[in-house]
Protein backbone atom coordinates (compact mmCIF):
# COMPACT_ATOMS: atom_id res chain seq x y z
CA MET A 1 115.34 125.05 103.13
CA ASN A 2 111.61 126.69 103.21
CA LEU A 3 110.54 124.74 100.21
CA LEU A 4 111.96 121.69 101.59
CA LYS A 5 109.82 121.77 104.45
CA ILE A 6 106.83 123.05 102.60
CA VAL A 7 107.13 119.92 100.82
CA LYS A 8 107.65 117.33 103.35
CA LEU A 9 104.53 119.02 104.87
CA ALA A 10 102.52 118.36 101.82
CA SER A 11 103.28 115.17 101.43
CA ALA A 12 102.64 114.11 104.87
CA SER A 13 99.15 115.53 104.92
CA VAL A 14 98.60 114.04 101.32
CA LEU A 15 99.27 110.61 103.06
CA LEU A 16 96.91 111.56 105.99
CA VAL A 17 94.34 112.16 103.69
CA ALA A 18 94.56 108.92 101.79
CA ALA A 19 94.75 107.12 104.93
CA VAL A 20 91.56 108.91 106.33
CA ALA A 21 89.88 108.49 102.93
CA ALA A 22 91.36 104.59 103.08
CA CYS A 23 89.40 104.13 106.49
CA THR A 24 86.02 105.84 105.34
CA ALA A 25 85.79 103.40 102.16
CA GLN A 26 86.27 100.63 104.68
CA GLY A 27 83.81 101.83 106.65
CA SER A 28 81.57 102.27 104.23
CA ILE A 29 81.86 98.68 102.54
CA ASN A 30 82.10 96.89 106.28
CA PRO A 31 79.41 98.95 108.53
CA THR A 32 80.49 97.45 111.65
CA PRO A 33 84.11 97.72 111.90
CA THR A 34 84.41 96.82 115.47
CA ALA A 35 83.31 93.65 114.95
CA THR A 36 86.60 92.74 112.80
CA PRO A 37 89.10 91.56 114.61
CA THR A 38 92.11 93.68 113.82
CA PRO A 39 95.76 93.06 115.40
CA ARG A 40 96.51 96.58 115.41
CA PRO A 41 93.56 98.47 116.88
CA VAL A 42 95.32 101.93 117.60
CA ILE A 43 95.38 102.74 113.76
CA GLN A 44 91.47 102.96 114.03
CA LEU A 45 90.39 106.18 114.19
């Protein structure tokens, strides 16, 4: 039970890190992310 919880937490953190890395990569490619219209602005941190 504990191992399953640890695995779920690890996978969630990996997904979070991947999302943050994608956001930073997108920000570096596009220096003005606020100028681009996005249908879901909630995702932008």
